N, C-alpha and C. Protein backbone atom coordinates (compact mmCIF):
# COMPACT_ATOMS: atom_id res chain seq x y z
N UNK A 1 110.97 98.42 103.38
CA UNK A 1 109.61 98.64 103.69
C UNK A 1 108.74 97.40 103.42
N UNK A 2 107.92 97.06 104.32
CA UNK A 2 107.04 95.85 104.10
C UNK A 2 105.94 96.27 103.21
N UNK A 3 105.61 95.45 102.16
CA UNK A 3 104.60 95.79 101.20
C UNK A 3 103.38 94.96 101.56
N UNK A 4 102.44 95.49 102.25
CA UNK A 4 101.19 94.71 102.68
C UNK A 4 99.93 95.45 102.30
N UNK A 5 100.05 96.62 101.71
CA UNK A 5 98.91 97.37 101.26
C UNK A 5 99.02 97.56 99.67
N UNK A 6 98.33 96.82 98.88
CA UNK A 6 98.46 96.64 97.53
C UNK A 6 97.21 96.83 96.70
N UNK A 7 97.46 97.28 95.48
CA UNK A 7 96.40 97.27 94.54
C UNK A 7 96.90 96.63 93.17
N UNK A 8 95.93 95.99 92.52
CA UNK A 8 96.28 95.18 91.40
C UNK A 8 95.51 95.79 90.20
N UNK A 9 96.28 96.09 89.04
CA UNK A 9 95.70 96.67 87.89
C UNK A 9 95.98 95.81 86.65
N UNK A 10 95.25 95.90 85.64
CA UNK A 10 95.47 95.06 84.42
C UNK A 10 94.28 95.12 83.57
N UNK A 11 94.49 95.03 82.22
CA UNK A 11 93.37 95.06 81.28
C UNK A 11 92.58 93.71 81.27
N UNK A 12 91.46 93.67 80.61
CA UNK A 12 90.73 92.42 80.47
C UNK A 12 91.64 91.32 79.91
N UNK A 13 91.57 90.16 80.47
CA UNK A 13 92.43 89.02 79.94
C UNK A 13 93.78 88.95 80.55
N UNK A 14 94.14 89.85 81.42
CA UNK A 14 95.48 89.91 82.03
C UNK A 14 95.65 88.86 83.07
N UNK A 15 94.57 88.30 83.51
CA UNK A 15 94.64 87.22 84.57
C UNK A 15 94.74 87.81 86.01
N UNK A 16 94.06 88.98 86.23
CA UNK A 16 94.12 89.56 87.57
C UNK A 16 93.48 88.68 88.68
N UNK A 17 92.38 88.00 88.25
CA UNK A 17 91.64 87.19 89.24
C UNK A 17 92.57 86.05 89.65
N UNK A 18 93.19 85.44 88.72
CA UNK A 18 94.13 84.28 89.01
C UNK A 18 95.23 84.77 89.99
N UNK A 19 95.88 85.87 89.59
CA UNK A 19 97.02 86.41 90.35
C UNK A 19 96.56 86.87 91.73
N UNK A 20 95.41 87.45 91.86
CA UNK A 20 94.83 87.90 93.10
C UNK A 20 94.68 86.67 94.09
N UNK A 21 94.17 85.61 93.54
CA UNK A 21 93.93 84.42 94.34
C UNK A 21 95.31 83.91 94.89
N UNK A 22 96.27 83.84 94.01
CA UNK A 22 97.59 83.28 94.40
C UNK A 22 98.29 84.19 95.41
N UNK A 23 98.20 85.49 95.26
CA UNK A 23 98.76 86.36 96.13
C UNK A 23 98.18 86.24 97.58
N UNK A 24 96.87 86.17 97.58
CA UNK A 24 96.16 86.08 98.83
C UNK A 24 96.51 84.73 99.55
N UNK A 25 96.58 83.64 98.78
CA UNK A 25 96.91 82.40 99.37
C UNK A 25 98.31 82.26 99.92
N UNK A 26 99.25 82.94 99.26
CA UNK A 26 100.69 82.77 99.60
C UNK A 26 101.05 83.82 100.70
N UNK A 27 100.51 85.03 100.63
CA UNK A 27 100.97 86.11 101.54
C UNK A 27 99.97 86.39 102.65
N UNK A 28 98.83 85.80 102.60
CA UNK A 28 97.82 85.91 103.65
C UNK A 28 97.07 87.32 103.71
N UNK A 29 97.15 88.08 102.64
CA UNK A 29 96.47 89.34 102.58
C UNK A 29 94.95 89.04 102.39
N UNK A 30 94.20 90.12 102.84
CA UNK A 30 92.75 90.16 102.56
C UNK A 30 92.48 90.58 101.13
N UNK A 31 91.69 89.84 100.41
CA UNK A 31 91.33 90.17 99.17
C UNK A 31 90.18 91.03 99.09
N UNK A 32 90.26 92.34 98.60
CA UNK A 32 89.10 93.22 98.70
C UNK A 32 88.78 93.59 97.23
N UNK A 33 87.73 92.96 96.76
CA UNK A 33 87.26 93.09 95.37
C UNK A 33 85.98 93.95 95.44
N UNK A 34 85.99 95.04 94.68
CA UNK A 34 84.78 95.92 94.69
C UNK A 34 83.55 95.17 94.20
N UNK A 35 83.72 94.34 93.25
CA UNK A 35 82.57 93.52 92.79
C UNK A 35 81.99 92.69 93.90
N UNK A 36 82.89 91.99 94.65
CA UNK A 36 82.35 91.13 95.80
C UNK A 36 81.77 91.94 96.81
N UNK A 37 82.38 93.08 97.14
CA UNK A 37 81.86 93.92 98.27
C UNK A 37 80.51 94.52 97.92
N UNK A 38 80.36 94.96 96.65
CA UNK A 38 79.05 95.42 96.21
C UNK A 38 77.98 94.38 96.36
N UNK A 39 78.24 93.14 95.85
CA UNK A 39 77.30 92.08 95.95
C UNK A 39 77.02 91.68 97.39
N UNK A 40 78.00 91.72 98.25
CA UNK A 40 77.66 91.41 99.62
C UNK A 40 76.81 92.57 100.30
N UNK A 41 77.15 93.74 100.06
CA UNK A 41 76.27 94.84 100.69
C UNK A 41 74.91 94.81 100.18
N UNK A 42 74.72 94.53 98.83
CA UNK A 42 73.37 94.49 98.25
C UNK A 42 72.68 93.23 98.81
N UNK A 43 73.37 92.15 98.84
CA UNK A 43 72.69 90.87 99.40
C UNK A 43 72.31 90.99 100.74
N UNK A 44 73.07 91.71 101.65
CA UNK A 44 72.70 91.78 103.07
C UNK A 44 71.72 92.97 103.31
N UNK A 45 71.42 93.74 102.29
CA UNK A 45 70.44 94.78 102.41
C UNK A 45 70.80 95.90 103.31
N UNK A 46 72.14 96.12 103.34
CA UNK A 46 72.70 97.25 104.22
C UNK A 46 72.31 98.60 103.58
N UNK A 47 72.39 99.63 104.42
CA UNK A 47 72.08 101.00 103.88
C UNK A 47 72.86 101.32 102.68
N UNK A 48 74.15 101.08 102.68
CA UNK A 48 75.05 101.32 101.62
C UNK A 48 74.62 100.42 100.42
N UNK A 49 74.31 99.21 100.59
CA UNK A 49 73.84 98.28 99.55
C UNK A 49 72.49 98.69 98.90
N UNK A 50 71.62 99.20 99.72
CA UNK A 50 70.41 99.67 99.10
C UNK A 50 70.63 100.90 98.28
N UNK A 51 71.43 101.74 98.78
CA UNK A 51 71.72 103.01 97.97
C UNK A 51 72.44 102.61 96.64
N UNK A 52 73.47 101.65 96.82
CA UNK A 52 74.22 101.25 95.53
C UNK A 52 73.26 100.63 94.57
N UNK A 53 72.35 99.89 95.00
CA UNK A 53 71.43 99.14 94.16
C UNK A 53 70.51 100.01 93.23
N UNK A 54 70.26 101.12 93.74
CA UNK A 54 69.46 102.07 92.88
C UNK A 54 70.18 102.55 91.70
N UNK A 55 71.62 102.61 91.77
CA UNK A 55 72.40 102.95 90.63
C UNK A 55 72.58 101.78 89.68
N UNK A 56 72.84 100.61 90.37
CA UNK A 56 73.09 99.39 89.53
C UNK A 56 71.82 99.05 88.82
N UNK A 57 70.63 99.23 89.40
CA UNK A 57 69.41 98.80 88.68
C UNK A 57 69.24 99.70 87.42
N UNK A 58 69.72 100.91 87.50
CA UNK A 58 69.59 101.80 86.29
C UNK A 58 70.74 101.66 85.27
N UNK A 59 71.68 100.72 85.68
CA UNK A 59 72.77 100.47 84.73
C UNK A 59 73.85 101.52 84.82
N UNK A 60 73.82 102.32 85.96
CA UNK A 60 74.79 103.33 86.10
C UNK A 60 75.96 102.88 87.10
N UNK A 61 77.12 103.57 86.96
CA UNK A 61 78.18 103.29 87.82
C UNK A 61 77.89 103.78 89.27
N UNK A 62 78.23 102.99 90.30
CA UNK A 62 78.05 103.43 91.68
C UNK A 62 79.02 104.57 92.06
N UNK A 63 78.48 105.67 92.53
CA UNK A 63 79.33 106.78 92.75
C UNK A 63 80.55 106.56 93.63
N UNK A 64 81.52 107.35 93.44
CA UNK A 64 82.78 107.15 94.22
C UNK A 64 82.60 107.13 95.68
N UNK A 65 81.74 108.05 96.17
CA UNK A 65 81.66 108.21 97.63
C UNK A 65 81.02 106.94 98.26
N UNK A 66 80.16 106.23 97.53
CA UNK A 66 79.56 105.10 98.05
C UNK A 66 80.55 103.93 98.05
N UNK A 67 81.35 103.82 96.97
CA UNK A 67 82.34 102.82 96.88
C UNK A 67 83.34 102.96 98.00
N UNK A 68 83.74 104.17 98.25
CA UNK A 68 84.81 104.48 99.26
C UNK A 68 84.18 104.14 100.63
N UNK A 69 82.95 104.52 100.87
CA UNK A 69 82.35 104.15 102.17
C UNK A 69 82.34 102.66 102.38
N UNK A 70 82.08 101.92 101.32
CA UNK A 70 81.98 100.44 101.47
C UNK A 70 83.35 99.83 101.68
N UNK A 71 84.32 100.35 101.07
CA UNK A 71 85.59 99.63 101.13
C UNK A 71 86.46 100.20 102.38
N UNK A 72 86.13 101.41 102.85
CA UNK A 72 86.92 101.99 103.90
C UNK A 72 87.12 101.23 105.13
N UNK A 73 85.86 100.76 105.57
CA UNK A 73 85.82 99.89 106.83
C UNK A 73 86.63 98.56 106.63
N UNK A 74 86.48 97.95 105.49
CA UNK A 74 87.15 96.77 105.22
C UNK A 74 88.66 96.92 105.24
N UNK A 75 89.15 97.99 104.66
CA UNK A 75 90.56 98.34 104.64
C UNK A 75 91.12 98.48 106.05
N UNK A 76 90.39 99.27 106.90
CA UNK A 76 90.78 99.51 108.25
C UNK A 76 90.78 98.18 109.09
N UNK A 77 90.01 97.23 108.68
CA UNK A 77 89.99 95.95 109.51
C UNK A 77 91.06 94.98 109.01
N UNK A 78 91.66 95.24 107.86
CA UNK A 78 92.64 94.31 107.21
C UNK A 78 93.98 94.45 107.82
N UNK A 79 94.15 94.08 109.19
CA UNK A 79 95.40 94.27 109.84
C UNK A 79 96.59 93.37 109.20
N UNK A 80 96.05 92.27 108.57
CA UNK A 80 97.11 91.33 107.91
C UNK A 80 97.60 91.88 106.68
N UNK A 81 97.04 92.99 106.16
CA UNK A 81 97.35 93.44 104.86
C UNK A 81 96.19 93.21 103.89
N UNK A 82 96.22 93.94 102.76
CA UNK A 82 95.14 93.80 101.83
C UNK A 82 95.55 93.92 100.41
N UNK A 83 94.76 93.46 99.55
CA UNK A 83 94.98 93.42 98.08
C UNK A 83 93.66 93.95 97.42
N UNK A 84 93.77 95.25 96.84
CA UNK A 84 92.60 95.80 96.25
C UNK A 84 92.54 95.30 94.74
N UNK A 85 91.32 94.91 94.41
CA UNK A 85 91.08 94.46 93.02
C UNK A 85 89.84 95.06 92.50
N UNK A 86 90.05 95.98 91.50
CA UNK A 86 88.81 96.68 91.05
C UNK A 86 88.70 98.15 91.57
N UNK A 87 89.65 98.44 92.51
CA UNK A 87 89.66 99.78 93.06
C UNK A 87 91.10 100.12 93.48
N UNK A 88 91.54 101.38 93.28
CA UNK A 88 90.76 102.44 92.63
C UNK A 88 90.69 102.28 91.12
N UNK A 89 89.72 102.95 90.51
CA UNK A 89 89.62 103.02 88.98
C UNK A 89 89.89 104.31 88.49
N UNK A 90 89.83 105.30 89.31
CA UNK A 90 90.04 106.70 88.89
C UNK A 90 90.97 107.45 89.78
N UNK A 91 91.52 108.53 89.28
CA UNK A 91 92.38 109.35 90.12
C UNK A 91 91.67 109.92 91.40
N UNK A 92 90.39 110.42 91.26
CA UNK A 92 89.69 110.80 92.51
C UNK A 92 89.59 109.73 93.49
N UNK A 93 89.27 108.45 92.99
CA UNK A 93 89.23 107.34 94.02
C UNK A 93 90.66 107.15 94.60
N UNK A 94 91.69 107.23 93.90
CA UNK A 94 93.02 107.06 94.39
C UNK A 94 93.39 108.12 95.43
N UNK A 95 92.95 109.38 95.19
CA UNK A 95 93.22 110.44 96.10
C UNK A 95 92.40 110.21 97.42
N UNK A 96 91.19 109.71 97.27
CA UNK A 96 90.41 109.40 98.41
C UNK A 96 91.04 108.22 99.33
N UNK A 97 91.51 107.28 98.55
CA UNK A 97 92.21 106.15 99.18
C UNK A 97 93.38 106.57 100.09
N UNK A 98 94.12 107.57 99.58
CA UNK A 98 95.26 107.95 100.33
C UNK A 98 94.92 108.57 101.73
N UNK A 99 93.74 109.10 101.84
CA UNK A 99 93.29 109.55 103.14
C UNK A 99 92.90 108.41 104.09
N UNK A 100 92.50 107.28 103.55
CA UNK A 100 92.12 106.11 104.37
C UNK A 100 93.34 105.29 104.69
N UNK A 101 94.09 104.88 103.71
CA UNK A 101 95.26 104.03 103.83
C UNK A 101 96.14 104.09 102.65
N UNK A 102 97.20 104.82 102.62
CA UNK A 102 98.12 104.98 101.55
C UNK A 102 98.61 103.59 101.15
N UNK A 103 98.75 103.37 99.85
CA UNK A 103 99.25 102.03 99.38
C UNK A 103 100.75 101.92 99.47
N UNK A 104 101.19 100.75 99.58
CA UNK A 104 102.71 100.53 99.57
C UNK A 104 103.20 100.22 98.09
N UNK A 105 102.32 99.63 97.23
CA UNK A 105 102.70 99.34 95.88
C UNK A 105 101.39 99.13 95.10
N UNK A 106 101.52 99.40 93.74
CA UNK A 106 100.47 99.22 92.84
C UNK A 106 101.13 98.23 91.78
N UNK A 107 100.55 97.08 91.57
CA UNK A 107 101.06 96.11 90.57
C UNK A 107 100.22 96.18 89.38
N UNK A 108 100.88 96.57 88.26
CA UNK A 108 100.13 96.62 86.97
C UNK A 108 100.59 95.55 86.01
N UNK A 109 99.69 94.65 85.69
CA UNK A 109 100.03 93.59 84.71
C UNK A 109 99.75 94.10 83.36
N UNK A 110 100.85 94.27 82.60
CA UNK A 110 100.74 94.94 81.24
C UNK A 110 100.51 93.75 80.17
N UNK A 111 99.58 94.04 79.32
CA UNK A 111 99.26 93.10 78.29
C UNK A 111 98.84 93.93 77.02
N UNK A 112 99.58 93.79 75.86
CA UNK A 112 99.21 94.54 74.70
C UNK A 112 97.86 94.19 74.13
N UNK A 113 97.35 95.10 73.32
CA UNK A 113 95.94 94.89 72.75
C UNK A 113 95.81 93.56 72.00
N UNK A 114 96.80 93.28 71.16
CA UNK A 114 96.69 92.04 70.31
C UNK A 114 96.58 90.71 71.15
N UNK A 115 97.39 90.76 72.31
CA UNK A 115 97.38 89.60 73.16
C UNK A 115 96.04 89.53 73.90
N UNK A 116 95.51 90.68 74.34
CA UNK A 116 94.11 90.63 74.95
C UNK A 116 93.19 90.07 74.02
N UNK A 117 93.15 90.48 72.81
CA UNK A 117 92.16 90.00 71.79
C UNK A 117 92.37 88.49 71.58
N UNK A 118 93.61 88.05 71.42
CA UNK A 118 93.84 86.67 71.22
C UNK A 118 93.39 85.80 72.30
N UNK A 119 93.66 86.17 73.58
CA UNK A 119 93.30 85.40 74.77
C UNK A 119 91.77 85.38 74.88
N UNK A 120 91.06 86.51 74.76
CA UNK A 120 89.67 86.48 75.16
C UNK A 120 88.77 85.91 74.00
N UNK A 121 89.23 86.12 72.73
CA UNK A 121 88.35 85.53 71.64
C UNK A 121 88.49 83.99 71.71
N UNK A 122 89.57 83.42 72.37
CA UNK A 122 89.71 82.03 72.32
C UNK A 122 89.02 81.38 73.56
N UNK A 123 88.38 82.22 74.37
CA UNK A 123 87.69 81.69 75.49
C UNK A 123 86.30 81.04 75.22
N UNK A 124 86.01 79.97 75.82
CA UNK A 124 84.75 79.23 75.63
C UNK A 124 84.14 78.80 76.93
N UNK A 125 82.82 78.98 77.03
CA UNK A 125 82.17 78.59 78.41
C UNK A 125 81.08 77.58 78.13
N UNK A 126 81.03 76.57 79.04
CA UNK A 126 80.02 75.52 78.92
C UNK A 126 78.64 76.10 79.40
N UNK A 127 77.60 75.90 78.50
CA UNK A 127 76.32 76.41 78.73
C UNK A 127 75.63 75.60 79.89
N UNK A 128 76.18 74.43 80.17
CA UNK A 128 75.37 73.64 81.24
C UNK A 128 76.00 73.87 82.60
N UNK A 129 77.38 73.86 82.78
CA UNK A 129 77.94 73.95 84.08
C UNK A 129 78.81 75.15 84.30
N UNK A 130 79.10 75.98 83.24
CA UNK A 130 79.79 77.17 83.44
C UNK A 130 81.29 77.02 83.42
N UNK A 131 81.81 75.80 83.16
CA UNK A 131 83.27 75.61 83.11
C UNK A 131 83.81 76.46 81.97
N UNK A 132 84.99 77.06 82.24
CA UNK A 132 85.67 77.90 81.24
C UNK A 132 86.89 77.24 80.64
N UNK A 133 87.02 77.33 79.36
CA UNK A 133 88.11 76.81 78.62
C UNK A 133 88.82 77.87 77.76
N UNK A 134 89.91 77.62 77.26
CA UNK A 134 90.60 78.56 76.35
C UNK A 134 91.22 77.70 75.26
N UNK A 135 90.85 78.01 73.99
CA UNK A 135 91.31 77.18 72.93
C UNK A 135 92.78 77.31 72.67
N UNK A 136 93.40 78.38 73.16
CA UNK A 136 94.82 78.63 72.98
C UNK A 136 95.68 77.86 73.95
N UNK A 137 95.36 77.83 75.30
CA UNK A 137 96.20 77.20 76.31
C UNK A 137 95.52 76.34 77.21
N UNK A 138 94.18 76.19 77.18
CA UNK A 138 93.45 75.19 77.99
C UNK A 138 92.28 74.68 77.21
N UNK A 139 92.48 73.95 76.11
CA UNK A 139 91.35 73.53 75.23
C UNK A 139 90.68 72.35 75.93
N UNK A 140 89.41 72.15 75.40
CA UNK A 140 88.75 70.89 75.79
C UNK A 140 89.35 69.64 75.10
N UNK A 141 89.11 68.51 75.65
CA UNK A 141 89.63 67.29 75.03
C UNK A 141 88.99 67.13 73.58
N UNK A 142 87.58 67.35 73.55
CA UNK A 142 86.85 67.20 72.32
C UNK A 142 86.39 68.58 71.99
N UNK A 143 86.56 69.00 70.72
CA UNK A 143 86.17 70.35 70.27
C UNK A 143 84.73 70.70 70.62
N UNK A 144 84.53 71.82 71.30
CA UNK A 144 83.27 72.47 71.59
C UNK A 144 82.46 71.60 72.58
N UNK A 145 83.01 70.53 73.22
CA UNK A 145 82.39 69.81 74.23
C UNK A 145 83.05 69.98 75.58
N UNK A 146 82.23 70.16 76.61
CA UNK A 146 82.88 70.29 77.97
C UNK A 146 83.29 68.99 78.48
N UNK A 147 84.57 68.95 79.00
CA UNK A 147 85.21 67.70 79.66
C UNK A 147 84.38 67.39 80.79
N UNK A 148 83.88 68.36 81.62
CA UNK A 148 83.26 68.07 82.91
C UNK A 148 81.90 67.38 82.82
N UNK A 149 81.02 67.96 81.88
CA UNK A 149 79.65 67.54 81.86
C UNK A 149 79.19 67.11 80.54
N UNK A 150 79.93 67.34 79.48
CA UNK A 150 79.48 66.96 78.10
C UNK A 150 78.62 68.00 77.51
N UNK A 151 78.55 69.22 78.15
CA UNK A 151 77.71 70.36 77.67
C UNK A 151 78.30 70.97 76.46
N UNK A 152 77.59 71.76 75.74
CA UNK A 152 78.08 72.56 74.58
C UNK A 152 78.89 73.78 75.09
N UNK A 153 80.03 74.02 74.37
CA UNK A 153 80.80 75.18 74.67
C UNK A 153 80.44 76.32 73.69
N UNK A 154 80.37 77.57 74.21
CA UNK A 154 79.99 78.65 73.40
C UNK A 154 80.95 79.78 73.63
N UNK A 155 80.95 80.73 72.73
CA UNK A 155 81.71 81.97 72.89
C UNK A 155 80.68 83.05 73.33
N UNK A 156 80.98 83.63 74.57
CA UNK A 156 80.02 84.67 74.99
C UNK A 156 80.08 85.92 74.22
N UNK A 157 79.05 86.72 74.18
CA UNK A 157 79.02 87.91 73.37
C UNK A 157 80.18 88.87 73.77
N UNK A 158 80.48 88.90 75.07
CA UNK A 158 81.45 89.81 75.47
C UNK A 158 82.89 89.36 75.23
N UNK A 159 83.02 88.18 74.63
CA UNK A 159 84.30 87.68 74.13
C UNK A 159 84.57 87.79 72.70
N UNK A 160 83.60 88.47 71.99
CA UNK A 160 83.77 88.75 70.62
C UNK A 160 84.64 89.99 70.27
N UNK A 161 85.34 89.94 69.20
CA UNK A 161 86.40 90.86 69.02
C UNK A 161 86.09 92.33 69.11
N UNK A 162 84.92 92.61 68.53
CA UNK A 162 84.65 94.13 68.53
C UNK A 162 84.24 94.55 69.97
N UNK A 163 83.77 93.70 70.83
CA UNK A 163 83.41 93.97 72.22
C UNK A 163 84.73 94.14 73.04
N UNK A 164 85.60 93.27 72.76
CA UNK A 164 86.94 93.21 73.54
C UNK A 164 87.80 94.52 73.10
N UNK A 165 87.69 94.87 71.87
CA UNK A 165 88.45 96.01 71.45
C UNK A 165 87.95 97.26 72.15
N UNK A 166 86.57 97.33 72.32
CA UNK A 166 85.95 98.39 73.08
C UNK A 166 86.35 98.39 74.48
N UNK A 167 86.26 97.20 75.14
CA UNK A 167 86.64 97.07 76.58
C UNK A 167 88.11 97.53 76.77
N UNK A 168 88.97 97.22 75.82
CA UNK A 168 90.37 97.61 76.02
C UNK A 168 90.51 99.10 75.98
N UNK A 169 89.78 99.74 75.01
CA UNK A 169 89.86 101.13 74.85
C UNK A 169 89.38 101.84 76.07
N UNK A 170 88.21 101.34 76.71
CA UNK A 170 87.76 101.94 77.93
C UNK A 170 88.68 101.81 79.04
N UNK A 171 89.34 100.63 79.13
CA UNK A 171 90.32 100.38 80.18
C UNK A 171 91.37 101.39 80.09
N UNK A 172 92.02 101.50 78.86
CA UNK A 172 93.14 102.42 78.61
C UNK A 172 92.75 103.87 78.95
N UNK A 173 91.64 104.33 78.55
CA UNK A 173 91.19 105.66 78.71
C UNK A 173 91.03 105.98 80.23
N UNK A 174 90.47 105.01 80.97
CA UNK A 174 90.20 105.28 82.48
C UNK A 174 91.40 105.03 83.31
N UNK A 175 92.28 104.07 82.87
CA UNK A 175 93.36 103.66 83.75
C UNK A 175 94.69 104.43 83.50
N UNK A 176 94.94 104.88 82.32
CA UNK A 176 96.14 105.59 81.98
C UNK A 176 96.46 106.71 82.96
N UNK A 177 95.52 107.63 83.29
CA UNK A 177 95.75 108.64 84.27
C UNK A 177 96.13 108.08 85.69
N UNK A 178 95.42 106.96 86.02
CA UNK A 178 95.68 106.34 87.34
C UNK A 178 97.07 105.77 87.37
N UNK A 179 97.54 105.14 86.32
CA UNK A 179 98.85 104.58 86.23
C UNK A 179 99.89 105.69 86.37
N UNK A 180 99.67 106.80 85.67
CA UNK A 180 100.61 107.95 85.83
C UNK A 180 100.59 108.53 87.26
N UNK A 181 99.47 108.51 87.87
CA UNK A 181 99.32 109.05 89.23
C UNK A 181 100.27 108.19 90.16
N UNK A 182 100.19 106.91 90.05
CA UNK A 182 101.06 105.97 90.90
C UNK A 182 102.54 106.01 90.45
N UNK A 183 102.71 106.16 89.16
CA UNK A 183 104.11 106.21 88.68
C UNK A 183 104.89 107.49 89.26
N UNK A 184 104.16 108.57 89.28
CA UNK A 184 104.70 109.81 89.81
C UNK A 184 105.01 109.70 91.28
N UNK A 185 104.31 108.84 91.98
CA UNK A 185 104.56 108.66 93.43
C UNK A 185 105.55 107.54 93.70
N UNK A 186 106.06 106.91 92.70
CA UNK A 186 107.09 105.86 92.86
C UNK A 186 106.50 104.55 93.39
N UNK A 187 105.21 104.42 93.22
CA UNK A 187 104.53 103.13 93.78
C UNK A 187 104.22 102.05 92.69
N UNK A 188 104.41 102.45 91.43
CA UNK A 188 103.94 101.61 90.34
C UNK A 188 104.98 100.49 90.01
N UNK A 189 104.56 99.22 89.98
CA UNK A 189 105.43 98.15 89.66
C UNK A 189 104.73 97.44 88.34
N UNK A 190 105.45 97.52 87.25
CA UNK A 190 104.82 96.98 86.04
C UNK A 190 105.40 95.52 85.72
N UNK A 191 104.53 94.64 85.44
CA UNK A 191 104.77 93.27 85.22
C UNK A 191 104.32 92.89 83.80
N UNK A 192 105.24 92.22 83.06
CA UNK A 192 104.83 91.85 81.68
C UNK A 192 103.91 90.61 81.72
N UNK A 193 102.70 90.76 81.29
CA UNK A 193 101.67 89.64 81.34
C UNK A 193 101.85 88.69 80.29
N UNK A 194 102.80 88.91 79.37
CA UNK A 194 102.95 88.00 78.25
C UNK A 194 103.77 86.66 78.62
N UNK A 195 104.28 86.73 79.82
CA UNK A 195 105.24 85.63 80.25
C UNK A 195 104.33 84.44 80.81
N UNK A 196 103.10 84.57 80.88
CA UNK A 196 102.25 83.51 81.36
C UNK A 196 101.94 83.58 82.89
N UNK A 197 101.02 82.88 83.37
CA UNK A 197 100.53 83.03 84.70
C UNK A 197 101.60 82.71 85.76
N UNK A 198 102.37 81.67 85.54
CA UNK A 198 103.40 81.37 86.47
C UNK A 198 104.55 82.37 86.49
N UNK A 199 104.88 82.92 85.33
CA UNK A 199 105.94 83.88 85.19
C UNK A 199 105.53 85.13 85.78
N UNK A 200 104.22 85.54 85.68
CA UNK A 200 103.71 86.84 86.28
C UNK A 200 103.82 86.68 87.77
N UNK A 201 103.33 85.46 88.32
CA UNK A 201 103.43 85.39 89.79
C UNK A 201 104.83 85.39 90.34
N UNK A 202 105.80 84.77 89.66
CA UNK A 202 107.08 84.70 90.17
C UNK A 202 107.66 86.15 90.24
N UNK A 203 107.30 87.00 89.25
CA UNK A 203 107.81 88.38 89.27
C UNK A 203 107.11 89.10 90.47
N UNK A 204 105.77 88.83 90.71
CA UNK A 204 105.08 89.47 91.82
C UNK A 204 105.71 89.04 93.16
N UNK A 205 106.09 87.81 93.22
CA UNK A 205 106.76 87.32 94.51
C UNK A 205 107.98 88.12 94.66
N UNK A 206 108.80 88.28 93.63
CA UNK A 206 110.04 89.01 93.79
C UNK A 206 109.81 90.41 94.24
N UNK A 207 108.82 91.14 93.59
CA UNK A 207 108.46 92.50 94.04
C UNK A 207 108.06 92.61 95.45
N UNK A 208 107.24 91.70 95.95
CA UNK A 208 106.89 91.69 97.36
C UNK A 208 107.93 91.33 98.32
N UNK A 209 108.99 90.59 97.82
CA UNK A 209 109.99 90.19 98.75
C UNK A 209 111.10 91.24 98.85
N UNK A 210 111.13 92.18 97.93
CA UNK A 210 112.16 93.26 97.87
C UNK A 210 112.17 94.17 99.06
């Protein structure tokens, strides 16, 4: 069976964004990120965007039915295949997705808590140009100074350990039922995120070639 309808899961720091970009470039799938779709709908002032913005402005989650309405048309238009990133997040979303376009596979990049903490607490961002570094595997040439513009590097508040621990707990609580949902359907493919970006992508390529 050709695997052209995919979803990508993984905790903070697992490198989902990097892997999504590589998958799309190599396999030609359409990248459907709920964050990008929300920003597009709001920016264009569509009816769905206006309705979603009322929730976003209050700091609330956009309801499932709005998210599904936004993503449904894009899924139907993705004749070349698609990669979902940030959707589904819950079992009800996954059940709704099955009525639109059942998935061929769900790739879950697994990363233990301690590795998530180690990766994200080492992240630094330039206050001037936004360039991102990692002290563990992509450090700047000069400590706390951006190679690109000479700006100061800082640790963002959401990269501090107590925040990361909470984000990991939230991810586990919300995603564990979803992972079981897809495991029961024989769609879940788990990839060890500790092998590094290249190793993860090699495994994904193998899965998609099977």
